[in-house]
Amino acid sequence: MNISANVKAIDTIKSEILSEVANLYRALAEYDEVGEYENVAASLATIIAMDYILARRLGLGFGGIDYKITELLEMAVENGHNLETTFSDMSELRKYIKSR
């Protein structure tokens, strides 16, 4: 593997993630009750996809990332995270990831 090319790819991915986070914040600033969901969904999807790709460039497998996310979600459920106790967000996401 070409180390120089991999470092450049990692830098490109990091830049794209930061740029897309900025796009997400802009979309959220313009977001209202009847707002455009497509821009928010597109930004979130891009950020998540690029995070997985970054993990791969760093030598981590996609399944390993899913496993770590599941671990974090399980800890949040056990510790009574506010989003879990109020909305069950953590356990719902955990179920979704495990069903894939």
Foldseek 3Di string as FASTA:
>chain_A
DDPVVLVVVLVVLVVQLVVLVVQLVVQVVVDDPPGDVVSNVVSVVSNVVSVQVSCVSVPHHSVNVLVVLLVVLVVCCVVVPVCCVVPVVSVVVNVVSVVD
